[in-house]
PDB file of N, CA and C in Angstrom:
ATOM      1  N   MET A   1     -99.666 -30.530 -38.628  1.00  0.00           N
ATOM      2  CA  MET A   1     -99.790 -30.495 -37.517  1.00  0.00           C
ATOM      3  C   MET A   1    -100.588 -29.570 -36.968  1.00  0.00           C
ATOM      4  N   GLN A   2    -102.235 -29.237 -36.810  1.00  0.00           N
ATOM      5  CA  GLN A   2    -102.903 -28.481 -35.935  1.00  0.00           C
ATOM      6  C   GLN A   2    -102.157 -28.897 -33.942  1.00  0.00           C
ATOM      7  N   ILE A   3    -101.833 -27.378 -33.147  1.00  0.00           N
ATOM      8  CA  ILE A   3    -101.616 -27.742 -32.059  1.00  0.00           C
ATOM      9  C   ILE A   3    -102.833 -26.912 -31.357  1.00  0.00           C
ATOM     10  N   ILE A   4    -104.180 -27.712 -30.415  1.00  0.00           N
ATOM     11  CA  ILE A   4    -104.442 -26.903 -29.886  1.00  0.00           C
ATOM     12  C   ILE A   4    -104.109 -26.461 -27.812  1.00  0.00           C
ATOM     13  N   LYS A   5    -103.811 -25.588 -27.593  1.00  0.00           N
ATOM     14  CA  LYS A   5    -103.635 -25.732 -26.570  1.00  0.00           C
ATOM     15  C   LYS A   5    -104.706 -25.333 -24.801  1.00  0.00           C
ATOM     16  N   LEU A   6    -104.453 -26.945 -24.130  1.00  0.00           N
ATOM     17  CA  LEU A   6    -105.654 -26.990 -23.140  1.00  0.00           C
ATOM     18  C   LEU A   6    -105.600 -25.428 -22.401  1.00  0.00           C
ATOM     19  N   ARG A   7    -106.635 -25.054 -21.819  1.00  0.00           N
ATOM     20  CA  ARG A   7    -107.065 -23.553 -20.867  1.00  0.00           C
ATOM     21  C   ARG A   7    -107.104 -24.016 -19.531  1.00  0.00           C
ATOM     22  N   GLU A   8    -108.127 -25.308 -19.981  1.00  0.00           N
ATOM     23  CA  GLU A   8    -108.306 -26.290 -18.762  1.00  0.00           C
ATOM     24  C   GLU A   8    -107.870 -27.694 -18.525  1.00  0.00           C
ATOM     25  N   ASP A   9    -108.021 -28.147 -18.325  1.00  0.00           N
ATOM     26  CA  ASP A   9    -107.644 -29.938 -17.643  1.00  0.00           C
ATOM     27  C   ASP A   9    -107.958 -30.539 -19.168  1.00  0.00           C
ATOM     28  N   TYR A  10    -109.307 -30.670 -19.368  1.00  0.00           N
ATOM     29  CA  TYR A  10    -109.421 -31.319 -21.114  1.00  0.00           C
ATOM     30  C   TYR A  10    -109.741 -30.672 -21.794  1.00  0.00           C
ATOM     31  N   ILE A  11    -110.157 -31.107 -23.175  1.00  0.00           N
ATOM     32  CA  ILE A  11    -111.530 -30.652 -24.278  1.00  0.00           C
ATOM     33  C   ILE A  11    -111.820 -31.763 -24.371  1.00  0.00           C
ATOM     34  N   LYS A  12    -112.878 -31.430 -24.808  1.00  0.00           N
ATOM     35  CA  LYS A  12    -113.835 -32.779 -25.138  1.00  0.00           C
ATOM     36  C   LYS A  12    -113.732 -32.552 -27.027  1.00  0.00           C
ATOM     37  N   LEU A  13    -113.932 -34.484 -28.099  1.00  0.00           N
ATOM     38  CA  LEU A  13    -113.612 -34.200 -28.714  1.00  0.00           C
ATOM     39  C   LEU A  13    -114.195 -33.664 -29.978  1.00  0.00           C
ATOM     40  N   GLY A  14    -115.533 -33.326 -29.504  1.00  0.00           N
ATOM     41  CA  GLY A  14    -116.086 -32.505 -30.408  1.00  0.00           C
ATOM     42  C   GLY A  14    -115.953 -31.108 -30.331  1.00  0.00           C
ATOM     43  N   GLN A  15    -115.604 -30.336 -29.202  1.00  0.00           N
ATOM     44  CA  GLN A  15    -115.411 -28.592 -28.853  1.00  0.00           C
ATOM     45  C   GLN A  15    -113.922 -28.872 -30.018  1.00  0.00           C
ATOM     46  N   ALA A  16    -113.088 -29.946 -30.107  1.00  0.00           N
ATOM     47  CA  ALA A  16    -111.084 -29.820 -30.484  1.00  0.00           C
ATOM     48  C   ALA A  16    -111.478 -30.124 -31.967  1.00  0.00           C
ATOM     49  N   LEU A  17    -113.016 -30.788 -32.913  1.00  0.00           N
ATOM     50  CA  LEU A  17    -112.754 -30.679 -33.970  1.00  0.00           C
ATOM     51  C   LEU A  17    -113.002 -29.094 -34.586  1.00  0.00           C
ATOM     52  N   LYS A  18    -114.313 -28.897 -33.485  1.00  0.00           N
ATOM     53  CA  LYS A  18    -114.659 -27.455 -33.946  1.00  0.00           C
ATOM     54  C   LYS A  18    -113.448 -26.539 -33.957  1.00  0.00           C
ATOM     55  N   ALA A  19    -113.018 -26.560 -32.388  1.00  0.00           N
ATOM     56  CA  ALA A  19    -112.107 -25.812 -32.527  1.00  0.00           C
ATOM     57  C   ALA A  19    -110.746 -25.356 -33.722  1.00  0.00           C
ATOM     58  N   ALA A  20    -110.562 -26.558 -34.535  1.00  0.00           N
ATOM     59  CA  ALA A  20    -109.281 -26.551 -35.281  1.00  0.00           C
ATOM     60  C   ALA A  20    -109.691 -26.911 -36.350  1.00  0.00           C
ATOM     61  N   GLY A  21    -111.272 -25.717 -36.748  1.00  0.00           N
ATOM     62  CA  GLY A  21    -111.969 -25.748 -38.073  1.00  0.00           C
ATOM     63  C   GLY A  21    -111.885 -27.018 -39.303  1.00  0.00           C
ATOM     64  N   LEU A  22    -111.956 -27.964 -38.675  1.00  0.00           N
ATOM     65  CA  LEU A  22    -112.598 -29.295 -39.450  1.00  0.00           C
ATOM     66  C   LEU A  22    -114.143 -29.363 -39.151  1.00  0.00           C
ATOM     67  N   VAL A  23    -114.351 -29.228 -38.987  1.00  0.00           N
ATOM     68  CA  VAL A  23    -116.160 -28.886 -39.044  1.00  0.00           C
ATOM     69  C   VAL A  23    -116.265 -27.608 -38.533  1.00  0.00           C
ATOM     70  N   GLU A  24    -117.832 -27.552 -39.312  1.00  0.00           N
ATOM     71  CA  GLU A  24    -118.633 -26.197 -38.995  1.00  0.00           C
ATOM     72  C   GLU A  24    -119.130 -26.033 -37.864  1.00  0.00           C
ATOM     73  N   SER A  25    -120.219 -26.856 -37.274  1.00  0.00           N
ATOM     74  CA  SER A  25    -119.939 -27.084 -35.997  1.00  0.00           C
ATOM     75  C   SER A  25    -120.632 -28.091 -34.857  1.00  0.00           C
ATOM     76  N   GLY A  26    -120.980 -28.545 -34.289  1.00  0.00           N
ATOM     77  CA  GLY A  26    -120.825 -29.274 -33.046  1.00  0.00           C
ATOM     78  C   GLY A  26    -122.570 -30.114 -33.590  1.00  0.00           C
ATOM     79  N   VAL A  27    -122.998 -29.971 -34.397  1.00  0.00           N
ATOM     80  CA  VAL A  27    -124.195 -31.301 -35.296  1.00  0.00           C
ATOM     81  C   VAL A  27    -123.072 -31.625 -36.138  1.00  0.00           C
ATOM     82  N   GLU A  28    -122.042 -31.224 -36.154  1.00  0.00           N
ATOM     83  CA  GLU A  28    -121.462 -31.565 -37.555  1.00  0.00           C
ATOM     84  C   GLU A  28    -120.284 -32.284 -36.831  1.00  0.00           C
ATOM     85  N   ALA A  29    -120.085 -32.234 -36.078  1.00  0.00           N
ATOM     86  CA  ALA A  29    -119.001 -33.026 -35.035  1.00  0.00           C
ATOM     87  C   ALA A  29    -119.957 -33.981 -34.947  1.00  0.00           C
ATOM     88  N   LYS A  30    -120.915 -34.232 -34.359  1.00  0.00           N
ATOM     89  CA  LYS A  30    -121.847 -35.140 -33.461  1.00  0.00           C
ATOM     90  C   LYS A  30    -121.378 -36.032 -34.948  1.00  0.00           C
ATOM     91  N   ILE A  31    -122.017 -36.150 -36.188  1.00  0.00           N
ATOM     92  CA  ILE A  31    -122.303 -37.002 -36.714  1.00  0.00           C
ATOM     93  C   ILE A  31    -120.903 -37.255 -37.776  1.00  0.00           C
ATOM     94  N   VAL A  32    -120.062 -36.801 -37.656  1.00  0.00           N
ATOM     95  CA  VAL A  32    -118.945 -37.803 -38.654  1.00  0.00           C
ATOM     96  C   VAL A  32    -118.161 -38.687 -37.156  1.00  0.00           C
ATOM     97  N   ILE A  33    -117.864 -37.619 -35.892  1.00  0.00           N
ATOM     98  CA  ILE A  33    -118.003 -39.253 -34.900  1.00  0.00           C
ATOM     99  C   ILE A  33    -118.449 -39.680 -34.538  1.00  0.00           C
ATOM    100  N   GLN A  34    -119.832 -40.237 -34.814  1.00  0.00           N
ATOM    101  CA  GLN A  34    -120.886 -41.185 -35.479  1.00  0.00           C
ATOM    102  C   GLN A  34    -120.763 -42.016 -35.824  1.00  0.00           C
ATOM    103  N   GLU A  35    -120.185 -41.495 -37.194  1.00  0.00           N
ATOM    104  CA  GLU A  35    -119.672 -42.345 -38.441  1.00  0.00           C
ATOM    105  C   GLU A  35    -118.480 -43.169 -38.108  1.00  0.00           C
ATOM    106  N   GLY A  36    -117.963 -42.519 -36.895  1.00  0.00           N
ATOM    107  CA  GLY A  36    -116.646 -43.957 -37.228  1.00  0.00           C
ATOM    108  C   GLY A  36    -115.594 -43.155 -38.356  1.00  0.00           C
ATOM    109  N   LEU A  37    -116.067 -41.809 -38.824  1.00  0.00           N
ATOM    110  CA  LEU A  37    -114.665 -40.541 -39.167  1.00  0.00           C
ATOM    111  C   LEU A  37    -113.139 -40.097 -38.285  1.00  0.00           C
ATOM    112  N   VAL A  38    -113.912 -40.522 -36.978  1.00  0.00           N
ATOM    113  CA  VAL A  38    -112.748 -39.678 -36.198  1.00  0.00           C
ATOM    114  C   VAL A  38    -112.080 -40.702 -35.665  1.00  0.00           C
ATOM    115  N   LYS A  39    -110.736 -40.353 -35.263  1.00  0.00           N
ATOM    116  CA  LYS A  39    -109.761 -41.500 -34.479  1.00  0.00           C
ATOM    117  C   LYS A  39    -108.976 -40.570 -33.556  1.00  0.00           C
ATOM    118  N   VAL A  40    -108.784 -41.285 -32.523  1.00  0.00           N
ATOM    119  CA  VAL A  40    -108.029 -40.441 -30.990  1.00  0.00           C
ATOM    120  C   VAL A  40    -107.180 -41.771 -30.634  1.00  0.00           C
ATOM    121  N   ASN A  41    -105.653 -41.121 -31.193  1.00  0.00           N
ATOM    122  CA  ASN A  41    -104.715 -42.243 -30.452  1.00  0.00           C
ATOM    123  C   ASN A  41    -104.313 -43.154 -31.661  1.00  0.00           C
ATOM    124  N   GLY A  42    -104.863 -43.214 -33.188  1.00  0.00           N
ATOM    125  CA  GLY A  42    -105.272 -44.206 -33.604  1.00  0.00           C
ATOM    126  C   GLY A  42    -106.371 -45.273 -33.633  1.00  0.00           C
ATOM    127  N   ALA A  43    -106.898 -45.037 -32.762  1.00  0.00           N
ATOM    128  CA  ALA A  43    -108.499 -46.033 -32.944  1.00  0.00           C
ATOM    129  C   ALA A  43    -110.043 -45.070 -32.991  1.00  0.00           C
ATOM    130  N   VAL A  44    -110.132 -45.362 -33.464  1.00  0.00           N
ATOM    131  CA  VAL A  44    -112.119 -45.083 -33.812  1.00  0.00           C
ATOM    132  C   VAL A  44    -112.252 -44.860 -32.439  1.00  0.00           C
ATOM    133  N   GLU A  45    -112.950 -43.508 -31.897  1.00  0.00           N
ATOM    134  CA  GLU A  45    -113.903 -42.978 -31.360  1.00  0.00           C
ATOM    135  C   GLU A  45    -114.925 -42.465 -31.699  1.00  0.00           C
ATOM    136  N   THR A  46    -115.968 -42.984 -30.929  1.00  0.00           N
ATOM    137  CA  THR A  46    -117.497 -42.802 -31.258  1.00  0.00           C
ATOM    138  C   THR A  46    -118.003 -41.907 -30.267  1.00  0.00           C
ATOM    139  N   GLN A  47    -117.341 -41.633 -28.885  1.00  0.00           N
ATOM    140  CA  GLN A  47    -118.009 -40.746 -28.414  1.00  0.00           C
ATOM    141  C   GLN A  47    -117.628 -38.918 -28.364  1.00  0.00           C
ATOM    142  N   ARG A  48    -118.606 -38.143 -28.826  1.00  0.00           N
ATOM    143  CA  ARG A  48    -118.805 -36.476 -28.660  1.00  0.00           C
ATOM    144  C   ARG A  48    -117.716 -36.116 -27.571  1.00  0.00           C
ATOM    145  N   GLY A  49    -118.364 -36.615 -26.429  1.00  0.00           N
ATOM    146  CA  GLY A  49    -118.240 -36.053 -25.081  1.00  0.00           C
ATOM    147  C   GLY A  49    -116.740 -36.561 -25.132  1.00  0.00           C
ATOM    148  N   LYS A  50    -116.070 -37.444 -25.363  1.00  0.00           N
ATOM    149  CA  LYS A  50    -114.896 -37.993 -24.915  1.00  0.00           C
ATOM    150  C   LYS A  50    -113.414 -36.740 -24.621  1.00  0.00           C
ATOM    151  N   LYS A  51    -112.863 -37.292 -23.344  1.00  0.00           N
ATOM    152  CA  LYS A  51    -112.957 -36.112 -22.478  1.00  0.00           C
ATOM    153  C   LYS A  51    -111.271 -36.119 -23.156  1.00  0.00           C
ATOM    154  N   LEU A  52    -109.982 -35.140 -23.842  1.00  0.00           N
ATOM    155  CA  LEU A  52    -108.556 -35.655 -24.656  1.00  0.00           C
ATOM    156  C   LEU A  52    -108.305 -34.675 -23.355  1.00  0.00           C
ATOM    157  N   VAL A  53    -106.664 -34.946 -23.778  1.00  0.00           N
ATOM    158  CA  VAL A  53    -106.024 -34.453 -22.425  1.00  0.00           C
ATOM    159  C   VAL A  53    -104.329 -34.375 -22.858  1.00  0.00           C
ATOM    160  N   GLY A  54    -103.384 -33.412 -22.340  1.00  0.00           N
ATOM    161  CA  GLY A  54    -102.939 -33.014 -23.242  1.00  0.00           C
ATOM    162  C   GLY A  54    -102.043 -34.462 -24.041  1.00  0.00           C
ATOM    163  N   GLY A  55    -101.187 -34.389 -24.845  1.00  0.00           N
ATOM    164  CA  GLY A  55    -100.413 -35.604 -25.723  1.00  0.00           C
ATOM    165  C   GLY A  55    -101.209 -36.907 -26.337  1.00  0.00           C
ATOM    166  N   GLU A  56    -102.229 -36.169 -26.695  1.00  0.00           N
ATOM    167  CA  GLU A  56    -103.559 -36.835 -27.907  1.00  0.00           C
ATOM    168  C   GLU A  56    -103.256 -36.606 -28.653  1.00  0.00           C
ATOM    169  N   ILE A  57    -103.759 -37.373 -29.815  1.00  0.00           N
ATOM    170  CA  ILE A  57    -103.622 -36.787 -31.684  1.00  0.00           C
ATOM    171  C   ILE A  57    -104.988 -37.501 -31.507  1.00  0.00           C
ATOM    172  N   ILE A  58    -105.642 -36.356 -32.651  1.00  0.00           N
ATOM    173  CA  ILE A  58    -107.180 -36.546 -33.578  1.00  0.00           C
ATOM    174  C   ILE A  58    -106.684 -36.714 -34.781  1.00  0.00           C
ATOM    175  N   SER A  59    -106.938 -37.183 -35.683  1.00  0.00           N
ATOM    176  CA  SER A  59    -107.008 -37.707 -36.824  1.00  0.00           C
ATOM    177  C   SER A  59    -108.367 -37.845 -37.331  1.00  0.00           C
ATOM    178  N   TYR A  60    -108.631 -37.126 -38.465  1.00  0.00           N
ATOM    179  CA  TYR A  60    -109.732 -36.610 -39.479  1.00  0.00           C
ATOM    180  C   TYR A  60    -109.745 -36.431 -40.613  1.00  0.00           C
ATOM    181  N   ASN A  61    -110.045 -36.581 -41.159  1.00  0.00           N
ATOM    182  CA  ASN A  61    -110.193 -36.270 -42.838  1.00  0.00           C
ATOM    183  C   ASN A  61    -108.837 -35.574 -43.910  1.00  0.00           C
ATOM    184  N   GLY A  62    -107.873 -36.490 -43.757  1.00  0.00           N
ATOM    185  CA  GLY A  62    -106.632 -36.565 -43.816  1.00  0.00           C
ATOM    186  C   GLY A  62    -105.956 -35.862 -42.997  1.00  0.00           C
ATOM    187  N   GLU A  63    -106.483 -34.826 -41.897  1.00  0.00           N
ATOM    188  CA  GLU A  63    -105.945 -33.514 -40.782  1.00  0.00           C
ATOM    189  C   GLU A  63    -105.283 -34.300 -39.393  1.00  0.00           C
ATOM    190  N   GLU A  64    -104.353 -34.144 -38.235  1.00  0.00           N
ATOM    191  CA  GLU A  64    -104.367 -34.089 -37.438  1.00  0.00           C
ATOM    192  C   GLU A  64    -104.573 -32.953 -36.880  1.00  0.00           C
ATOM    193  N   ILE A  65    -104.299 -32.796 -35.280  1.00  0.00           N
ATOM    194  CA  ILE A  65    -104.482 -31.877 -34.103  1.00  0.00           C
ATOM    195  C   ILE A  65    -103.952 -32.713 -32.841  1.00  0.00           C
ATOM    196  N   LYS A  66    -103.573 -32.103 -32.416  1.00  0.00           N
ATOM    197  CA  LYS A  66    -102.306 -32.189 -31.466  1.00  0.00           C
ATOM    198  C   LYS A  66    -103.274 -31.951 -29.837  1.00  0.00           C
ATOM    199  N   ILE A  67    -103.151 -31.840 -29.169  1.00  0.00           N
ATOM    200  CA  ILE A  67    -103.600 -31.499 -27.412  1.00  0.00           C
ATOM    201  C   ILE A  67    -101.885 -31.095 -26.883  1.00  0.00           C
ATOM    202  N   GLU A  68    -101.942 -29.975 -26.561  1.00  0.00           N
ATOM    203  CA  GLU A  68    -100.839 -29.971 -25.627  1.00  0.00           C
ATOM    204  C   GLU A  68    -101.512 -28.740 -24.024  1.00  0.00           C
ATOM    205  N   LEU A  69    -100.776 -29.622 -23.449  1.00  0.00           N
ATOM    206  CA  LEU A  69    -101.470 -28.833 -21.969  1.00  0.00           C
ATOM    207  C   LEU A  69    -100.901 -27.225 -22.074  1.00  0.00           C
TER     208      LEU A  69
END
């Protein structure tokens, strides 16, 4: 599991996928999120701009990312 430490109060879902290196670009992030391939806390999330805060877990393509404060 990868960990992303927040520098601000939140990070957007598309930015988190890019920061973790799971997608190459914002366009790729938009596509995989809209196709329902990304889960946040176990539920499919289709909003690229979803604000994530500490404690949330993203799942995509067999990888997990934990957001920490």
